[in-house]
C-alpha atoms as a PDB file:
ATOM      1  CA  MET A   1      26.173-135.191 -14.045  1.00  0.00           C
ATOM      2  CA  THR A   2      26.511-133.197 -10.877  1.00  0.00           C
ATOM      3  CA  GLY A   3      27.680-129.623 -10.847  1.00  0.00           C
ATOM      4  CA  PRO A   4      26.457-126.092 -10.517  1.00  0.00           C
ATOM      5  CA  THR A   5      23.665-126.629 -13.043  1.00  0.00           C
ATOM      6  CA  SER A   6      22.062-129.514 -11.188  1.00  0.00           C
ATOM      7  CA  GLU A   7      22.290-127.743  -7.826  1.00  0.00           C
ATOM      8  CA  ARG A   8      21.164-124.318  -9.010  1.00  0.00           C
ATOM      9  CA  PRO A   9      17.399-124.931  -9.237  1.00  0.00           C
ATOM     10  CA  ARG A  10      17.192-126.176  -5.667  1.00  0.00           C
ATOM     11  CA  SER A  11      19.320-123.331  -4.343  1.00  0.00           C
ATOM     12  CA  GLY A  12      17.631-120.762  -6.560  1.00  0.00           C
ATOM     13  CA  ALA A  13      14.196-121.890  -5.433  1.00  0.00           C
ATOM     14  CA  THR A  14      15.266-121.391  -1.838  1.00  0.00           C
ATOM     15  CA  ASP A  15      16.877-118.011  -2.469  1.00  0.00           C
ATOM     16  CA  ARG A  16      14.242-116.638  -4.824  1.00  0.00           C
ATOM     17  CA  PRO A  17      11.729-115.322  -2.252  1.00  0.00           C
ATOM     18  CA  ARG A  18      14.468-113.658  -0.241  1.00  0.00           C
ATOM     19  CA  SER A  19      16.099-112.339  -3.412  1.00  0.00           C
ATOM     20  CA  GLY A  20      12.737-111.082  -4.697  1.00  0.00           C
ATOM     21  CA  ALA A  21      12.035-109.340  -1.407  1.00  0.00           C
ATOM     22  CA  ARG A  22      15.508-107.789  -1.404  1.00  0.00           C
ATOM     23  CA  SER A  23      15.080-106.604  -4.987  1.00  0.00           C
ATOM     24  CA  ARG A  24      11.677-105.103  -4.196  1.00  0.00           C
ATOM     25  CA  GLU A  25      13.043-103.329  -1.115  1.00  0.00           C
ATOM     26  CA  ALA A  26      16.087-102.054  -3.043  1.00  0.00           C
ATOM     27  CA  LEU A  27      13.825-100.686  -5.795  1.00  0.00           C
ATOM     28  CA  LEU A  28      11.555 -98.994  -3.268  1.00  0.00           C
ATOM     29  CA  ARG A  29      14.517 -97.414  -1.460  1.00  0.00           C
ATOM     30  CA  ALA A  30      16.122 -96.260  -4.743  1.00  0.00           C
ATOM     31  CA  ALA A  31      12.843 -94.817  -6.016  1.00  0.00           C
ATOM     32  CA  THR A  32      12.276 -92.944  -2.758  1.00  0.00           C
ATOM     33  CA  GLU A  33      15.743 -91.405  -2.960  1.00  0.00           C
ATOM     34  CA  LEU A  34      15.548 -90.520  -6.655  1.00  0.00           C
ATOM     35  CA  PHE A  35      12.020 -89.098  -6.514  1.00  0.00           C
ATOM     36  CA  SER A  36      13.166 -86.917  -3.606  1.00  0.00           C
ATOM     37  CA  GLU A  37      16.393 -85.829  -5.313  1.00  0.00           C
ATOM     38  CA  ARG A  38      15.235 -85.352  -8.908  1.00  0.00           C
ATOM     39  CA  GLY A  39      11.481 -85.378  -8.899  1.00  0.00           C
ATOM     40  CA  TYR A  40       9.113 -87.848 -10.498  1.00  0.00           C
ATOM     41  CA  ASP A  41       9.463 -86.740 -14.133  1.00  0.00           C
ATOM     42  CA  ARG A  42      13.254 -86.508 -14.094  1.00  0.00           C
ATOM     43  CA  THR A  43      13.647 -89.987 -12.622  1.00  0.00           C
ATOM     44  CA  THR A  44      13.714 -92.856 -15.096  1.00  0.00           C
ATOM     45  CA  ILE A  45      12.938 -96.491 -14.490  1.00  0.00           C
ATOM     46  CA  ARG A  46      16.431 -97.312 -15.692  1.00  0.00           C
ATOM     47  CA  GLU A  47      18.006 -95.016 -13.068  1.00  0.00           C
ATOM     48  CA  ILE A  48      15.912 -96.596 -10.321  1.00  0.00           C
ATOM     49  CA  GLY A  49      17.101-100.041 -11.367  1.00  0.00           C
ATOM     50  CA  GLU A  50      20.726 -98.893 -11.549  1.00  0.00           C
ATOM     51  CA  ARG A  51      20.633 -97.315  -8.102  1.00  0.00           C
ATOM     52  CA  ALA A  52      18.935-100.398  -6.681  1.00  0.00           C
ATOM     53  CA  GLY A  53      21.489-102.659  -8.346  1.00  0.00           C
ATOM     54  CA  VAL A  54      18.821-104.769 -10.021  1.00  0.00           C
ATOM     55  CA  ASP A  55      17.236-105.105 -13.446  1.00  0.00           C
ATOM     56  CA  ALA A  56      14.843-102.190 -14.024  1.00  0.00           C
ATOM     57  CA  ALA A  57      12.356-104.643 -15.550  1.00  0.00           C
ATOM     58  CA  LEU A  58      11.666-105.827 -11.999  1.00  0.00           C
ATOM     59  CA  ILE A  59       9.770-102.562 -11.401  1.00  0.00           C
ATOM     60  CA  ALA A  60       6.951-103.855 -13.598  1.00  0.00           C
ATOM     61  CA  ARG A  61       7.063-107.248 -11.903  1.00  0.00           C
ATOM     62  CA  HIS A  62       7.038-105.965  -8.323  1.00  0.00           C
ATOM     63  CA  PHE A  63       5.028-102.752  -8.671  1.00  0.00           C
ATOM     64  CA  GLY A  64       3.306-102.653 -12.065  1.00  0.00           C
ATOM     65  CA  GLY A  65       5.093 -99.554 -13.382  1.00  0.00           C
ATOM     66  CA  LYS A  66       6.587 -96.226 -12.383  1.00  0.00           C
ATOM     67  CA  ALA A  67       3.322 -94.555 -11.298  1.00  0.00           C
ATOM     68  CA  LEU A  68       2.386 -97.530  -9.133  1.00  0.00           C
ATOM     69  CA  LEU A  69       5.902 -97.542  -7.675  1.00  0.00           C
ATOM     70  CA  TYR A  70       5.363 -93.896  -6.730  1.00  0.00           C
ATOM     71  CA  VAL A  71       2.106 -94.825  -4.953  1.00  0.00           C
ATOM     72  CA  GLU A  72       4.030 -97.507  -3.066  1.00  0.00           C
ATOM     73  CA  VAL A  73       6.708 -94.954  -2.115  1.00  0.00           C
ATOM     74  CA  LEU A  74       3.960 -92.787  -0.600  1.00  0.00           C
ATOM     75  CA  ARG A  75       2.547 -95.752   1.284  1.00  0.00           C
ATOM     76  CA  ALA A  76       5.994 -96.690   2.585  1.00  0.00           C
ATOM     77  CA  GLU A  77       6.714 -93.111   3.677  1.00  0.00           C
ATOM     78  CA  HIS A  78       3.430 -92.612   5.498  1.00  0.00           C
ATOM     79  CA  GLY A  79       2.215 -96.066   6.448  1.00  0.00           C
ATOM     80  CA  ASP A  80      -1.444 -96.949   6.594  1.00  0.00           C
ATOM     81  CA  SER A  81      -2.461 -94.391   9.198  1.00  0.00           C
ATOM     82  CA  ALA A  82      -5.057 -91.860   8.121  1.00  0.00           C
ATOM     83  CA  PRO A  83      -3.409 -88.571   7.193  1.00  0.00           C
ATOM     84  CA  VAL A  84      -4.438 -85.232   8.615  1.00  0.00           C
ATOM     85  CA  ASP A  85      -6.617 -83.172   6.287  1.00  0.00           C
ATOM     86  CA  LEU A  86      -5.309 -80.426   4.003  1.00  0.00           C
ATOM     87  CA  LEU A  87      -6.910 -77.622   5.988  1.00  0.00           C
ATOM     88  CA  THR A  88      -4.176 -77.850   8.574  1.00  0.00           C
ATOM     89  CA  GLU A  89      -1.168 -75.710   7.756  1.00  0.00           C
ATOM     90  CA  PRO A  90       1.463 -78.392   8.507  1.00  0.00           C
ATOM     91  CA  ARG A  91      -0.277 -80.952   6.256  1.00  0.00           C
ATOM     92  CA  LEU A  92      -0.740 -78.495   3.392  1.00  0.00           C
ATOM     93  CA  ARG A  93       2.898 -77.427   3.734  1.00  0.00           C
ATOM     94  CA  GLU A  94       4.026 -81.077   3.676  1.00  0.00           C
ATOM     95  CA  VAL A  95       2.054 -81.782   0.477  1.00  0.00           C
ATOM     96  CA  ALA A  96       3.280 -78.571  -1.183  1.00  0.00           C
ATOM     97  CA  GLU A  97       6.918 -79.174  -0.262  1.00  0.00           C
ATOM     98  CA  ARG A  98       6.774 -82.752  -1.519  1.00  0.00           C
ATOM     99  CA  ALA A  99       5.251 -81.534  -4.784  1.00  0.00           C
ATOM    100  CA  GLU A 100       8.019 -78.953  -5.049  1.00  0.00           C
ATOM    101  CA  ARG A 101      10.768 -81.559  -4.551  1.00  0.00           C
ATOM    102  CA  ARG A 102       9.250 -84.255  -6.718  1.00  0.00           C
ATOM    103  CA  GLY A 103       7.520 -82.191  -9.374  1.00  0.00           C
ATOM    104  CA  PRO A 104       4.153 -82.990 -10.958  1.00  0.00           C
ATOM    105  CA  VAL A 105       3.668 -86.418  -9.370  1.00  0.00           C
ATOM    106  CA  PRO A 106       0.953 -88.928 -10.358  1.00  0.00           C
ATOM    107  CA  LEU A 107      -1.062 -88.252  -7.210  1.00  0.00           C
ATOM    108  CA  LEU A 108      -1.556 -84.626  -8.277  1.00  0.00           C
ATOM    109  CA  ARG A 109      -1.773 -85.314 -12.008  1.00  0.00           C
ATOM    110  CA  VAL A 110      -4.601 -87.778 -11.610  1.00  0.00           C
ATOM    111  CA  ALA A 111      -6.623 -84.948 -10.040  1.00  0.00           C
ATOM    112  CA  VAL A 112      -6.627 -82.983 -13.292  1.00  0.00           C
ATOM    113  CA  GLN A 113      -5.924 -85.501 -16.058  1.00  0.00           C
ATOM    114  CA  PRO A 114      -6.335 -89.282 -16.268  1.00  0.00           C
ATOM    115  CA  LEU A 115      -3.155 -91.347 -16.441  1.00  0.00           C
ATOM    116  CA  SER A 116      -2.722 -93.354 -19.640  1.00  0.00           C
ATOM    117  CA  GLU A 117      -2.465 -96.770 -17.961  1.00  0.00           C
ATOM    118  CA  GLN A 118      -5.710 -97.947 -16.342  1.00  0.00           C
ATOM    119  CA  GLY A 119      -4.027 -99.831 -13.474  1.00  0.00           C
ATOM    120  CA  ALA A 120      -1.946 -96.791 -12.593  1.00  0.00           C
ATOM    121  CA  GLN A 121      -5.018 -94.574 -12.922  1.00  0.00           C
ATOM    122  CA  ASP A 122      -7.038 -96.733 -10.524  1.00  0.00           C
ATOM    123  CA  ALA A 123      -4.287 -97.084  -7.903  1.00  0.00           C
ATOM    124  CA  THR A 124      -3.298 -93.423  -8.023  1.00  0.00           C
ATOM    125  CA  ARG A 125      -6.916 -92.270  -7.870  1.00  0.00           C
ATOM    126  CA  ALA A 126      -7.476 -94.535  -4.848  1.00  0.00           C
ATOM    127  CA  ALA A 127      -4.403 -93.062  -3.157  1.00  0.00           C
ATOM    128  CA  LEU A 128      -5.605 -89.516  -3.924  1.00  0.00           C
ATOM    129  CA  GLN A 129      -8.983 -90.304  -2.403  1.00  0.00           C
ATOM    130  CA  ALA A 130      -7.517 -91.959   0.695  1.00  0.00           C
ATOM    131  CA  ARG A 131      -4.703 -89.474   1.351  1.00  0.00           C
ATOM    132  CA  LEU A 132      -6.279 -86.143   0.402  1.00  0.00           C
ATOM    133  CA  VAL A 133     -10.035 -86.257  -0.308  1.00  0.00           C
ATOM    134  CA  GLU A 134     -11.361 -88.587   2.387  1.00  0.00           C
ATOM    135  CA  PRO A 135      -9.727 -86.818   5.374  1.00  0.00           C
ATOM    136  CA  LEU A 136     -11.294 -83.539   4.218  1.00  0.00           C
ATOM    137  CA  ARG A 137     -14.677 -85.126   3.576  1.00  0.00           C
ATOM    138  CA  GLU A 138     -14.619 -86.595   7.092  1.00  0.00           C
ATOM    139  CA  ARG A 139     -13.749 -83.197   8.549  1.00  0.00           C
ATOM    140  CA  PHE A 140     -16.642 -81.546   6.716  1.00  0.00           C
ATOM    141  CA  VAL A 141     -19.029 -84.257   7.915  1.00  0.00           C
ATOM    142  CA  ARG A 142     -17.894 -83.683  11.533  1.00  0.00           C
ATOM    143  CA  GLU A 143     -18.385 -79.933  11.079  1.00  0.00           C
ATOM    144  CA  GLY A 144     -21.876 -80.460   9.652  1.00  0.00           C
ATOM    145  CA  ARG A 145     -21.016 -78.817   6.323  1.00  0.00           C
ATOM    146  CA  ASP A 146     -23.374 -79.295   3.425  1.00  0.00           C
ATOM    147  CA  ARG A 147     -22.183 -81.483   0.526  1.00  0.00           C
ATOM    148  CA  PRO A 148     -18.995 -82.631   2.279  1.00  0.00           C
ATOM    149  CA  GLY A 149     -17.877 -84.854  -0.613  1.00  0.00           C
ATOM    150  CA  LEU A 150     -18.183 -82.100  -3.194  1.00  0.00           C
ATOM    151  CA  ARG A 151     -16.548 -79.596  -0.858  1.00  0.00           C
ATOM    152  CA  ALA A 152     -13.586 -81.959  -0.320  1.00  0.00           C
ATOM    153  CA  ASP A 153     -13.269 -82.634  -4.065  1.00  0.00           C
ATOM    154  CA  VAL A 154     -13.188 -78.911  -4.850  1.00  0.00           C
ATOM    155  CA  MET A 155     -10.576 -78.176  -2.189  1.00  0.00           C
ATOM    156  CA  VAL A 156      -8.261 -81.006  -3.273  1.00  0.00           C
ATOM    157  CA  ALA A 157      -8.697 -80.094  -6.947  1.00  0.00           C
ATOM    158  CA  ALA A 158      -7.793 -76.488  -6.124  1.00  0.00           C
ATOM    159  CA  VAL A 159      -4.625 -77.517  -4.254  1.00  0.00           C
ATOM    160  CA  ALA A 160      -3.624 -79.951  -7.014  1.00  0.00           C
ATOM    161  CA  GLY A 161      -4.235 -77.298  -9.654  1.00  0.00           C
ATOM    162  CA  VAL A 162      -2.153 -74.695  -7.837  1.00  0.00           C
ATOM    163  CA  LEU A 163       0.720 -77.099  -7.189  1.00  0.00           C
ATOM    164  CA  LEU A 164       0.741 -78.353 -10.780  1.00  0.00           C
ATOM    165  CA  ALA A 165       0.452 -74.804 -12.137  1.00  0.00           C
ATOM    166  CA  ARG A 166       3.740 -73.904 -10.418  1.00  0.00           C
ATOM    167  CA  HIS A 167       5.450 -76.172 -12.970  1.00  0.00           C
ATOM    168  CA  SER A 168       3.398 -75.195 -16.034  1.00  0.00           C
ATOM    169  CA  GLY A 169       5.169 -71.943 -16.889  1.00  0.00           C
ATOM    170  CA  ALA A 170       1.841 -70.171 -17.309  1.00  0.00           C
ATOM    171  CA  PHE A 171       1.925 -68.170 -14.059  1.00  0.00           C
ATOM    172  CA  ASP A 172       5.061 -66.111 -13.423  1.00  0.00           C
ATOM    173  CA  ASP A 173       4.327 -64.981  -9.858  1.00  0.00           C
ATOM    174  CA  LEU A 174       3.141 -68.427  -8.807  1.00  0.00           C
ATOM    175  CA  ALA A 175       6.220 -70.125 -10.271  1.00  0.00           C
ATOM    176  CA  GLY A 176       8.549 -67.613  -8.626  1.00  0.00           C
ATOM    177  CA  ALA A 177       6.944 -67.669  -5.177  1.00  0.00           C
ATOM    178  CA  GLU A 178       8.368 -69.591  -2.254  1.00  0.00           C
ATOM    179  CA  VAL A 179       6.383 -72.667  -1.258  1.00  0.00           C
ATOM    180  CA  GLY A 180       5.598 -71.095   2.114  1.00  0.00           C
ATOM    181  CA  GLU A 181       4.046 -68.061   0.437  1.00  0.00           C
ATOM    182  CA  VAL A 182       1.794 -70.272  -1.668  1.00  0.00           C
ATOM    183  CA  VAL A 183       0.755 -72.283   1.392  1.00  0.00           C
ATOM    184  CA  ASP A 184      -0.010 -69.084   3.329  1.00  0.00           C
ATOM    185  CA  ILE A 185      -2.226 -67.771   0.530  1.00  0.00           C
ATOM    186  CA  LEU A 186      -4.049 -71.094   0.192  1.00  0.00           C
ATOM    187  CA  MET A 187      -4.652 -71.170   3.950  1.00  0.00           C
ATOM    188  CA  GLU A 188      -5.980 -67.584   3.835  1.00  0.00           C
ATOM    189  CA  MET A 189      -8.338 -68.526   0.994  1.00  0.00           C
ATOM    190  CA  TYR A 190      -9.590 -71.609   2.831  1.00  0.00           C
ATOM    191  CA  ALA A 191     -10.055 -69.696   6.089  1.00  0.00           C
ATOM    192  CA  GLY A 192     -12.199 -67.178   4.256  1.00  0.00           C
ATOM    193  CA  GLY A 193     -14.388 -69.591   2.340  1.00  0.00           C
ATOM    194  CA  ALA A 194     -14.061 -73.103   3.692  1.00  0.00           C
END
């Protein structure tokens, strides 16, 4: 018997890679938009799937979960080029403003508390190291600073802690300050003791 059923597997097999790539791209674009608009915590997997026009279950298939999708959003936004270190005002401002828009994202959370899923923990930790710690460590090596790895870890942990604390409700002045004010104070602190 010939009909749609007998033709579908051949056609589907041909369309599947393109369809899979389109679905992945649509999910990545939707996640980027929603994380920017609502923040990481207020964005659900279901909403990402709805905006992308695909089944939300494809997030697990293509990315491994929401935290890993966030890491992929970062990679897509910034490419593979090495980022500038946090001790430059524009870079610190960029990180702080992104944290303000997106909320307590996995990249900052992993700095102070392990993520529950090991795969997400490993990928997010690797992204934290590559995007924030390693550029600082390299700077401290170039400057001849002692213990450059520890120095970079402490600086990144301090920034992550400050940016996460803005959302904790524990610090009134910090929560109420403009992002620029927080960046200025962090830069003053680093200039005095880096």
